[in-house]
PDB file of N, CA and C in Angstrom:
ATOM      1  N   MET A   1      56.705 209.948 136.452  1.00  0.00           N
ATOM      2  CA  MET A   1      56.171 211.285 136.488  1.00  0.00           C
ATOM      3  C   MET A   1      54.903 211.272 137.350  1.00  0.00           C
ATOM      4  N   PRO A   2      54.752 212.249 138.261  1.00  0.00           N
ATOM      5  CA  PRO A   2      53.563 212.292 139.112  1.00  0.00           C
ATOM      6  C   PRO A   2      52.325 212.667 138.302  1.00  0.00           C
ATOM      7  N   ILE A   3      51.206 212.192 138.767  1.00  0.00           N
ATOM      8  CA  ILE A   3      49.931 212.536 138.133  1.00  0.00           C
ATOM      9  C   ILE A   3      49.495 213.899 138.653  1.00  0.00           C
ATOM     10  N   VAL A   4      49.200 214.807 137.745  1.00  0.00           N
ATOM     11  CA  VAL A   4      48.738 216.142 138.108  1.00  0.00           C
ATOM     12  C   VAL A   4      47.270 216.249 137.741  1.00  0.00           C
ATOM     13  N   THR A   5      46.459 216.569 138.704  1.00  0.00           N
ATOM     14  CA  THR A   5      45.037 216.709 138.419  1.00  0.00           C
ATOM     15  C   THR A   5      44.786 217.996 137.648  1.00  0.00           C
ATOM     16  N   PRO A   6      43.884 217.964 136.676  1.00  0.00           N
ATOM     17  CA  PRO A   6      43.662 219.132 135.836  1.00  0.00           C
ATOM     18  C   PRO A   6      42.868 220.236 136.535  1.00  0.00           C
ATOM     19  N   TYR A   7      42.197 219.915 137.627  1.00  0.00           N
ATOM     20  CA  TYR A   7      41.362 220.895 138.312  1.00  0.00           C
ATOM     21  C   TYR A   7      41.992 221.285 139.635  1.00  0.00           C
ATOM     22  N   GLN A   8      42.158 222.559 139.835  1.00  0.00           N
ATOM     23  CA  GLN A   8      42.640 223.038 141.123  1.00  0.00           C
ATOM     24  C   GLN A   8      41.743 224.173 141.597  1.00  0.00           C
ATOM     25  N   ASN A   9      41.599 224.291 142.874  1.00  0.00           N
ATOM     26  CA  ASN A   9      40.806 225.336 143.492  1.00  0.00           C
ATOM     27  C   ASN A   9      41.521 225.759 144.767  1.00  0.00           C
ATOM     28  N   SER A  10      41.018 226.763 145.423  1.00  0.00           N
ATOM     29  CA  SER A  10      41.660 227.173 146.676  1.00  0.00           C
ATOM     30  C   SER A  10      40.628 227.351 147.768  1.00  0.00           C
ATOM     31  N   ARG A  11      41.086 227.209 148.970  1.00  0.00           N
ATOM     32  CA  ARG A  11      40.292 227.456 150.180  1.00  0.00           C
ATOM     33  C   ARG A  11      41.064 228.499 150.978  1.00  0.00           C
ATOM     34  N   ARG A  12      40.401 229.587 151.317  1.00  0.00           N
ATOM     35  CA  ARG A  12      41.062 230.671 152.053  1.00  0.00           C
ATOM     36  C   ARG A  12      40.464 230.812 153.449  1.00  0.00           C
ATOM     37  N   PHE A  13      41.322 231.139 154.386  1.00  0.00           N
ATOM     38  CA  PHE A  13      40.931 231.306 155.780  1.00  0.00           C
ATOM     39  C   PHE A  13      41.561 232.594 156.304  1.00  0.00           C
ATOM     40  N   THR A  14      40.793 233.376 157.058  1.00  0.00           N
ATOM     41  CA  THR A  14      41.300 234.643 157.587  1.00  0.00           C
ATOM     42  C   THR A  14      41.137 234.706 159.104  1.00  0.00           C
ATOM     43  N   SER A  15      42.081 235.405 159.724  1.00  0.00           N
ATOM     44  CA  SER A  15      42.060 235.627 161.165  1.00  0.00           C
ATOM     45  C   SER A  15      42.995 236.792 161.462  1.00  0.00           C
ATOM     46  N   THR A  16      43.312 236.987 162.718  1.00  0.00           N
ATOM     47  CA  THR A  16      44.314 237.978 163.116  1.00  0.00           C
ATOM     48  C   THR A  16      45.351 237.278 163.992  1.00  0.00           C
ATOM     49  N   ILE A  17      46.513 237.860 164.073  1.00  0.00           N
ATOM     50  CA  ILE A  17      47.598 237.254 164.841  1.00  0.00           C
ATOM     51  C   ILE A  17      47.232 237.152 166.326  1.00  0.00           C
ATOM     52  N   GLY A  18      46.356 238.030 166.793  1.00  0.00           N
ATOM     53  CA  GLY A  18      45.949 238.013 168.196  1.00  0.00           C
ATOM     54  C   GLY A  18      45.143 236.794 168.597  1.00  0.00           C
ATOM     55  N   SER A  19      44.703 236.004 167.627  1.00  0.00           N
ATOM     56  CA  SER A  19      43.929 234.793 167.922  1.00  0.00           C
ATOM     57  C   SER A  19      44.812 233.617 168.307  1.00  0.00           C
ATOM     58  N   GLY A  20      46.129 233.792 168.227  1.00  0.00           N
ATOM     59  CA  GLY A  20      47.054 232.705 168.517  1.00  0.00           C
ATOM     60  C   GLY A  20      47.409 232.583 169.979  1.00  0.00           C
ATOM     61  N   THR A  21      48.086 231.497 170.286  1.00  0.00           N
ATOM     62  CA  THR A  21      48.560 231.245 171.656  1.00  0.00           C
ATOM     63  C   THR A  21      49.993 230.734 171.603  1.00  0.00           C
ATOM     64  N   GLY A  22      50.663 230.799 172.727  1.00  0.00           N
ATOM     65  CA  GLY A  22      52.041 230.334 172.827  1.00  0.00           C
ATOM     66  C   GLY A  22      53.009 231.482 172.621  1.00  0.00           C
ATOM     67  N   THR A  23      54.288 231.172 172.695  1.00  0.00           N
ATOM     68  CA  THR A  23      55.331 232.165 172.491  1.00  0.00           C
ATOM     69  C   THR A  23      56.456 231.562 171.671  1.00  0.00           C
ATOM     70  N   GLY A  24      57.210 232.427 171.015  1.00  0.00           N
ATOM     71  CA  GLY A  24      58.379 231.983 170.266  1.00  0.00           C
ATOM     72  C   GLY A  24      58.074 230.919 169.238  1.00  0.00           C
ATOM     73  N   ALA A  25      58.815 229.828 169.292  1.00  0.00           N
ATOM     74  CA  ALA A  25      58.699 228.753 168.299  1.00  0.00           C
ATOM     75  C   ALA A  25      57.380 228.003 168.371  1.00  0.00           C
ATOM     76  N   THR A  26      56.671 228.112 169.484  1.00  0.00           N
ATOM     77  CA  THR A  26      55.422 227.360 169.639  1.00  0.00           C
ATOM     78  C   THR A  26      54.179 228.207 169.374  1.00  0.00           C
ATOM     79  N   TYR A  27      54.344 229.421 168.867  1.00  0.00           N
ATOM     80  CA  TYR A  27      53.182 230.276 168.626  1.00  0.00           C
ATOM     81  C   TYR A  27      52.323 229.678 167.518  1.00  0.00           C
ATOM     82  N   ALA A  28      51.049 229.471 167.798  1.00  0.00           N
ATOM     83  CA  ALA A  28      50.157 228.834 166.829  1.00  0.00           C
ATOM     84  C   ALA A  28      48.761 229.449 166.891  1.00  0.00           C
ATOM     85  N   ILE A  29      48.065 229.358 165.780  1.00  0.00           N
ATOM     86  CA  ILE A  29      46.677 229.813 165.698  1.00  0.00           C
ATOM     87  C   ILE A  29      45.836 228.604 165.307  1.00  0.00           C
ATOM     88  N   ALA A  30      44.798 228.320 166.076  1.00  0.00           N
ATOM     89  CA  ALA A  30      43.920 227.181 165.807  1.00  0.00           C
ATOM     90  C   ALA A  30      43.077 227.441 164.570  1.00  0.00           C
ATOM     91  N   ALA A  31      42.793 226.396 163.832  1.00  0.00           N
ATOM     92  CA  ALA A  31      41.944 226.508 162.641  1.00  0.00           C
ATOM     93  C   ALA A  31      40.574 227.079 163.002  1.00  0.00           C
ATOM     94  N   THR A  32      40.095 226.781 164.194  1.00  0.00           N
ATOM     95  CA  THR A  32      38.776 227.255 164.612  1.00  0.00           C
ATOM     96  C   THR A  32      38.750 228.763 164.883  1.00  0.00           C
ATOM     97  N   ALA A  33      39.914 229.416 164.912  1.00  0.00           N
ATOM     98  CA  ALA A  33      39.993 230.869 165.100  1.00  0.00           C
ATOM     99  C   ALA A  33      39.879 231.607 163.769  1.00  0.00           C
ATOM    100  N   PHE A  34      39.758 230.877 162.664  1.00  0.00           N
ATOM    101  CA  PHE A  34      39.676 231.457 161.327  1.00  0.00           C
ATOM    102  C   PHE A  34      38.244 231.438 160.816  1.00  0.00           C
ATOM    103  N   THR A  35      37.961 232.326 159.866  1.00  0.00           N
ATOM    104  CA  THR A  35      36.719 232.246 159.101  1.00  0.00           C
ATOM    105  C   THR A  35      37.076 231.778 157.700  1.00  0.00           C
ATOM    106  N   ASN A  36      36.144 231.093 157.051  1.00  0.00           N
ATOM    107  CA  ASN A  36      36.410 230.560 155.722  1.00  0.00           C
ATOM    108  C   ASN A  36      35.881 231.502 154.639  1.00  0.00           C
ATOM    109  N   ASP A  37      35.936 231.071 153.382  1.00  0.00           N
ATOM    110  CA  ASP A  37      35.482 231.889 152.257  1.00  0.00           C
ATOM    111  C   ASP A  37      34.014 232.293 152.374  1.00  0.00           C
ATOM    112  N   ALA A  38      33.213 231.474 153.025  1.00  0.00           N
ATOM    113  CA  ALA A  38      31.789 231.765 153.185  1.00  0.00           C
ATOM    114  C   ALA A  38      31.523 232.723 154.344  1.00  0.00           C
ATOM    115  N   GLY A  39      32.582 233.079 155.091  1.00  0.00           N
ATOM    116  CA  GLY A  39      32.430 233.990 156.218  1.00  0.00           C
ATOM    117  C   GLY A  39      31.958 233.315 157.494  1.00  0.00           C
ATOM    118  N   THR A  40      31.991 231.993 157.512  1.00  0.00           N
ATOM    119  CA  THR A  40      31.591 231.268 158.713  1.00  0.00           C
ATOM    120  C   THR A  40      32.829 230.707 159.416  1.00  0.00           C
ATOM    121  N   ALA A  41      32.657 230.355 160.664  1.00  0.00           N
ATOM    122  CA  ALA A  41      33.782 229.832 161.448  1.00  0.00           C
ATOM    123  C   ALA A  41      34.299 228.532 160.847  1.00  0.00           C
ATOM    124  N   ALA A  42      35.596 228.434 160.712  1.00  0.00           N
ATOM    125  CA  ALA A  42      36.218 227.214 160.190  1.00  0.00           C
ATOM    126  C   ALA A  42      36.234 226.145 161.275  1.00  0.00           C
ATOM    127  N   THR A  43      36.152 224.907 160.847  1.00  0.00           N
ATOM    128  CA  THR A  43      36.252 223.802 161.799  1.00  0.00           C
ATOM    129  C   THR A  43      37.607 223.109 161.700  1.00  0.00           C
ATOM    130  N   ALA A  44      38.217 223.161 160.504  1.00  0.00           N
ATOM    131  CA  ALA A  44      39.533 222.551 160.284  1.00  0.00           C
ATOM    132  C   ALA A  44      40.087 223.044 158.953  1.00  0.00           C
ATOM    133  N   PHE A  45      41.395 222.938 158.806  1.00  0.00           N
ATOM    134  CA  PHE A  45      42.028 223.209 157.522  1.00  0.00           C
ATOM    135  C   PHE A  45      41.918 221.948 156.666  1.00  0.00           C
ATOM    136  N   PRO A  46      42.060 222.066 155.344  1.00  0.00           N
ATOM    137  CA  PRO A  46      42.001 220.873 154.492  1.00  0.00           C
ATOM    138  C   PRO A  46      43.049 219.830 154.891  1.00  0.00           C
ATOM    139  N   GLY A  47      42.648 218.570 154.858  1.00  0.00           N
ATOM    140  CA  GLY A  47      43.558 217.491 155.198  1.00  0.00           C
ATOM    141  C   GLY A  47      44.499 217.138 154.053  1.00  0.00           C
ATOM    142  N   THR A  48      44.042 217.397 152.825  1.00  0.00           N
ATOM    143  CA  THR A  48      44.841 217.124 151.642  1.00  0.00           C
ATOM    144  C   THR A  48      44.884 218.377 150.791  1.00  0.00           C
ATOM    145  N   PHE A  49      46.077 218.811 150.437  1.00  0.00           N
ATOM    146  CA  PHE A  49      46.230 219.999 149.605  1.00  0.00           C
ATOM    147  C   PHE A  49      47.530 219.900 148.839  1.00  0.00           C
ATOM    148  N   ASN A  50      47.628 220.652 147.744  1.00  0.00           N
ATOM    149  CA  ASN A  50      48.847 220.651 146.935  1.00  0.00           C
ATOM    150  C   ASN A  50      49.926 221.509 147.588  1.00  0.00           C
ATOM    151  N   TYR A  51      49.538 222.685 148.030  1.00  0.00           N
ATOM    152  CA  TYR A  51      50.433 223.577 148.769  1.00  0.00           C
ATOM    153  C   TYR A  51      49.581 224.651 149.423  1.00  0.00           C
ATOM    154  N   TYR A  52      50.202 225.431 150.302  1.00  0.00           N
ATOM    155  CA  TYR A  52      49.475 226.539 150.923  1.00  0.00           C
ATOM    156  C   TYR A  52      50.348 227.781 150.907  1.00  0.00           C
ATOM    157  N   ASN A  53      49.677 228.926 150.943  1.00  0.00           N
ATOM    158  CA  ASN A  53      50.356 230.218 151.028  1.00  0.00           C
ATOM    159  C   ASN A  53      49.904 230.904 152.304  1.00  0.00           C
ATOM    160  N   LEU A  54      50.848 231.497 153.015  1.00  0.00           N
ATOM    161  CA  LEU A  54      50.556 232.264 154.212  1.00  0.00           C
ATOM    162  C   LEU A  54      50.814 233.735 153.904  1.00  0.00           C
ATOM    163  N   TYR A  55      49.821 234.564 154.199  1.00  0.00           N
ATOM    164  CA  TYR A  55      49.953 236.009 154.034  1.00  0.00           C
ATOM    165  C   TYR A  55      49.842 236.652 155.417  1.00  0.00           C
ATOM    166  N   ILE A  56      50.837 237.410 155.790  1.00  0.00           N
ATOM    167  CA  ILE A  56      50.809 238.174 157.032  1.00  0.00           C
ATOM    168  C   ILE A  56      50.782 239.635 156.643  1.00  0.00           C
ATOM    169  N   ASN A  57      49.733 240.320 157.055  1.00  0.00           N
ATOM    170  CA  ASN A  57      49.528 241.727 156.716  1.00  0.00           C
ATOM    171  C   ASN A  57      49.573 241.941 155.195  1.00  0.00           C
ATOM    172  N   GLY A  58      49.014 240.979 154.465  1.00  0.00           N
ATOM    173  CA  GLY A  58      48.922 241.086 153.014  1.00  0.00           C
ATOM    174  C   GLY A  58      50.154 240.676 152.238  1.00  0.00           C
ATOM    175  N   LEU A  59      51.225 240.309 152.920  1.00  0.00           N
ATOM    176  CA  LEU A  59      52.464 239.920 152.234  1.00  0.00           C
ATOM    177  C   LEU A  59      52.664 238.412 152.319  1.00  0.00           C
ATOM    178  N   MET A  60      52.853 237.772 151.148  1.00  0.00           N
ATOM    179  CA  MET A  60      53.084 236.338 151.138  1.00  0.00           C
ATOM    180  C   MET A  60      54.423 236.041 151.809  1.00  0.00           C
ATOM    181  N   GLN A  61      54.415 234.998 152.634  1.00  0.00           N
ATOM    182  CA  GLN A  61      55.598 234.624 153.406  1.00  0.00           C
ATOM    183  C   GLN A  61      56.328 233.451 152.740  1.00  0.00           C
ATOM    184  N   THR A  62      57.592 233.304 153.061  1.00  0.00           N
ATOM    185  CA  THR A  62      58.376 232.185 152.540  1.00  0.00           C
ATOM    186  C   THR A  62      57.980 230.894 153.250  1.00  0.00           C
ATOM    187  N   ALA A  63      58.343 229.774 152.664  1.00  0.00           N
ATOM    188  CA  ALA A  63      57.947 228.458 153.170  1.00  0.00           C
ATOM    189  C   ALA A  63      58.458 228.169 154.577  1.00  0.00           C
ATOM    190  N   ASP A  64      59.553 228.789 154.981  1.00  0.00           N
ATOM    191  CA  ASP A  64      60.122 228.511 156.303  1.00  0.00           C
ATOM    192  C   ASP A  64      59.451 229.304 157.424  1.00  0.00           C
ATOM    193  N   THR A  65      58.426 230.071 157.096  1.00  0.00           N
ATOM    194  CA  THR A  65      57.763 230.927 158.078  1.00  0.00           C
ATOM    195  C   THR A  65      56.716 230.198 158.896  1.00  0.00           C
ATOM    196  N   SER A  66      56.227 229.049 158.413  1.00  0.00           N
ATOM    197  CA  SER A  66      55.127 228.381 159.103  1.00  0.00           C
ATOM    198  C   SER A  66      55.086 226.889 158.796  1.00  0.00           C
ATOM    199  N   THR A  67      54.316 226.200 159.627  1.00  0.00           N
ATOM    200  CA  THR A  67      53.944 224.809 159.374  1.00  0.00           C
ATOM    201  C   THR A  67      52.455 224.697 159.662  1.00  0.00           C
ATOM    202  N   VAL A  68      51.813 223.753 158.995  1.00  0.00           N
ATOM    203  CA  VAL A  68      50.363 223.653 159.133  1.00  0.00           C
ATOM    204  C   VAL A  68      49.923 222.203 159.299  1.00  0.00           C
ATOM    205  N   THR A  69      48.877 222.013 160.095  1.00  0.00           N
ATOM    206  CA  THR A  69      48.182 220.730 160.226  1.00  0.00           C
ATOM    207  C   THR A  69      46.702 221.019 159.992  1.00  0.00           C
ATOM    208  N   THR A  70      45.867 220.020 160.120  1.00  0.00           N
ATOM    209  CA  THR A  70      44.429 220.261 159.940  1.00  0.00           C
ATOM    210  C   THR A  70      43.841 221.097 161.070  1.00  0.00           C
ATOM    211  N   THR A  71      44.535 221.175 162.208  1.00  0.00           N
ATOM    212  CA  THR A  71      43.989 221.892 163.359  1.00  0.00           C
ATOM    213  C   THR A  71      44.662 223.222 163.675  1.00  0.00           C
ATOM    214  N   THR A  72      45.907 223.432 163.229  1.00  0.00           N
ATOM    215  CA  THR A  72      46.618 224.668 163.567  1.00  0.00           C
ATOM    216  C   THR A  72      47.612 225.086 162.495  1.00  0.00           C
ATOM    217  N   ILE A  73      47.954 226.356 162.537  1.00  0.00           N
ATOM    218  CA  ILE A  73      49.097 226.852 161.778  1.00  0.00           C
ATOM    219  C   ILE A  73      50.068 227.419 162.802  1.00  0.00           C
ATOM    220  N   THR A  74      51.308 226.981 162.743  1.00  0.00           N
ATOM    221  CA  THR A  74      52.340 227.444 163.665  1.00  0.00           C
ATOM    222  C   THR A  74      53.187 228.486 162.951  1.00  0.00           C
ATOM    223  N   ILE A  75      53.318 229.653 163.586  1.00  0.00           N
ATOM    224  CA  ILE A  75      54.097 230.757 163.034  1.00  0.00           C
ATOM    225  C   ILE A  75      55.134 231.152 164.083  1.00  0.00           C
ATOM    226  N   PRO A  76      56.315 230.532 164.048  1.00  0.00           N
ATOM    227  CA  PRO A  76      57.330 230.845 165.052  1.00  0.00           C
ATOM    228  C   PRO A  76      57.606 232.349 165.122  1.00  0.00           C
ATOM    229  N   GLY A  77      57.563 232.891 166.328  1.00  0.00           N
ATOM    230  CA  GLY A  77      57.810 234.311 166.537  1.00  0.00           C
ATOM    231  C   GLY A  77      56.611 235.202 166.257  1.00  0.00           C
ATOM    232  N   GLY A  78      55.486 234.617 165.895  1.00  0.00           N
ATOM    233  CA  GLY A  78      54.294 235.404 165.592  1.00  0.00           C
ATOM    234  C   GLY A  78      53.772 236.203 166.774  1.00  0.00           C
ATOM    235  N   ASP A  79      54.139 235.804 167.966  1.00  0.00           N
ATOM    236  CA  ASP A  79      53.663 236.499 169.164  1.00  0.00           C
ATOM    237  C   ASP A  79      54.231 237.910 169.292  1.00  0.00           C
ATOM    238  N   VAL A  80      55.266 238.261 168.540  1.00  0.00           N
ATOM    239  CA  VAL A  80      55.831 239.609 168.628  1.00  0.00           C
ATOM    240  C   VAL A  80      55.106 240.595 167.708  1.00  0.00           C
ATOM    241  N   LEU A  81      54.235 240.090 166.838  1.00  0.00           N
ATOM    242  CA  LEU A  81      53.493 240.963 165.933  1.00  0.00           C
ATOM    243  C   LEU A  81      52.310 241.605 166.642  1.00  0.00           C
ATOM    244  N   ASP A  82      51.834 242.708 166.120  1.00  0.00           N
ATOM    245  CA  ASP A  82      50.657 243.387 166.666  1.00  0.00           C
ATOM    246  C   ASP A  82      49.446 242.449 166.585  1.00  0.00           C
ATOM    247  N   ALA A  83      48.639 242.436 167.631  1.00  0.00           N
ATOM    248  CA  ALA A  83      47.493 241.529 167.703  1.00  0.00           C
ATOM    249  C   ALA A  83      46.496 241.720 166.562  1.00  0.00           C
ATOM    250  N   GLY A  84      46.416 242.903 165.980  1.00  0.00           N
ATOM    251  CA  GLY A  84      45.472 243.172 164.906  1.00  0.00           C
ATOM    252  C   GLY A  84      45.977 242.830 163.513  1.00  0.00           C
ATOM    253  N   THR A  85      47.185 242.317 163.403  1.00  0.00           N
ATOM    254  CA  THR A  85      47.762 241.986 162.100  1.00  0.00           C
ATOM    255  C   THR A  85      46.942 240.889 161.427  1.00  0.00           C
ATOM    256  N   PRO A  86      46.455 241.138 160.197  1.00  0.00           N
ATOM    257  CA  PRO A  86      45.646 240.113 159.513  1.00  0.00           C
ATOM    258  C   PRO A  86      46.486 238.944 159.010  1.00  0.00           C
ATOM    259  N   ILE A  87      45.890 237.752 159.109  1.00  0.00           N
ATOM    260  CA  ILE A  87      46.509 236.511 158.658  1.00  0.00           C
ATOM    261  C   ILE A  87      45.560 235.863 157.645  1.00  0.00           C
ATOM    262  N   ILE A  88      46.085 235.496 156.499  1.00  0.00           N
ATOM    263  CA  ILE A  88      45.316 234.761 155.492  1.00  0.00           C
ATOM    264  C   ILE A  88      46.101 233.509 155.131  1.00  0.00           C
ATOM    265  N   VAL A  89      45.417 232.376 155.153  1.00  0.00           N
ATOM    266  CA  VAL A  89      46.030 231.128 154.737  1.00  0.00           C
ATOM    267  C   VAL A  89      45.221 230.619 153.539  1.00  0.00           C
ATOM    268  N   GLN A  90      45.908 230.370 152.437  1.00  0.00           N
ATOM    269  CA  GLN A  90      45.265 229.902 151.204  1.00  0.00           C
ATOM    270  C   GLN A  90      45.796 228.503 150.894  1.00  0.00           C
ATOM    271  N   PHE A  91      44.889 227.536 150.838  1.00  0.00           N
ATOM    272  CA  PHE A  91      45.236 226.154 150.493  1.00  0.00           C
ATOM    273  C   PHE A  91      44.823 225.909 149.046  1.00  0.00           C
ATOM    274  N   VAL A  92      45.737 225.423 148.227  1.00  0.00           N
ATOM    275  CA  VAL A  92      45.416 225.048 146.859  1.00  0.00           C
ATOM    276  C   VAL A  92      45.140 223.548 146.865  1.00  0.00           C
ATOM    277  N   VAL A  93      43.916 223.194 146.466  1.00  0.00           N
ATOM    278  CA  VAL A  93      43.456 221.815 146.520  1.00  0.00           C
ATOM    279  C   VAL A  93      43.105 221.312 145.122  1.00  0.00           C
ATOM    280  N   SER A  94      43.112 220.005 144.959  1.00  0.00           N
ATOM    281  CA  SER A  94      42.726 219.386 143.678  1.00  0.00           C
ATOM    282  C   SER A  94      41.357 218.763 143.806  1.00  0.00           C
TER     283      SER A  94
END
């Protein structure tokens, strides 16, 4: 049985879809294009997390909608969305 830590917290990052680059399957937004919970520019996403949630225009997306690293979140097809569409990424950490 895996060890589950009793304490969990979250880290949230906000941006807009217009901050991304690329097209189609390679559309990505850099972590540095986001602001964190403190309202300051993010430098990276958490390197270790339990899971993350992606919200596009306030709606939580399914797991197949994105992939994430410490430096970027890739949202295939995100380039077709309006540039002002808000993006929120929530990382649940232990």
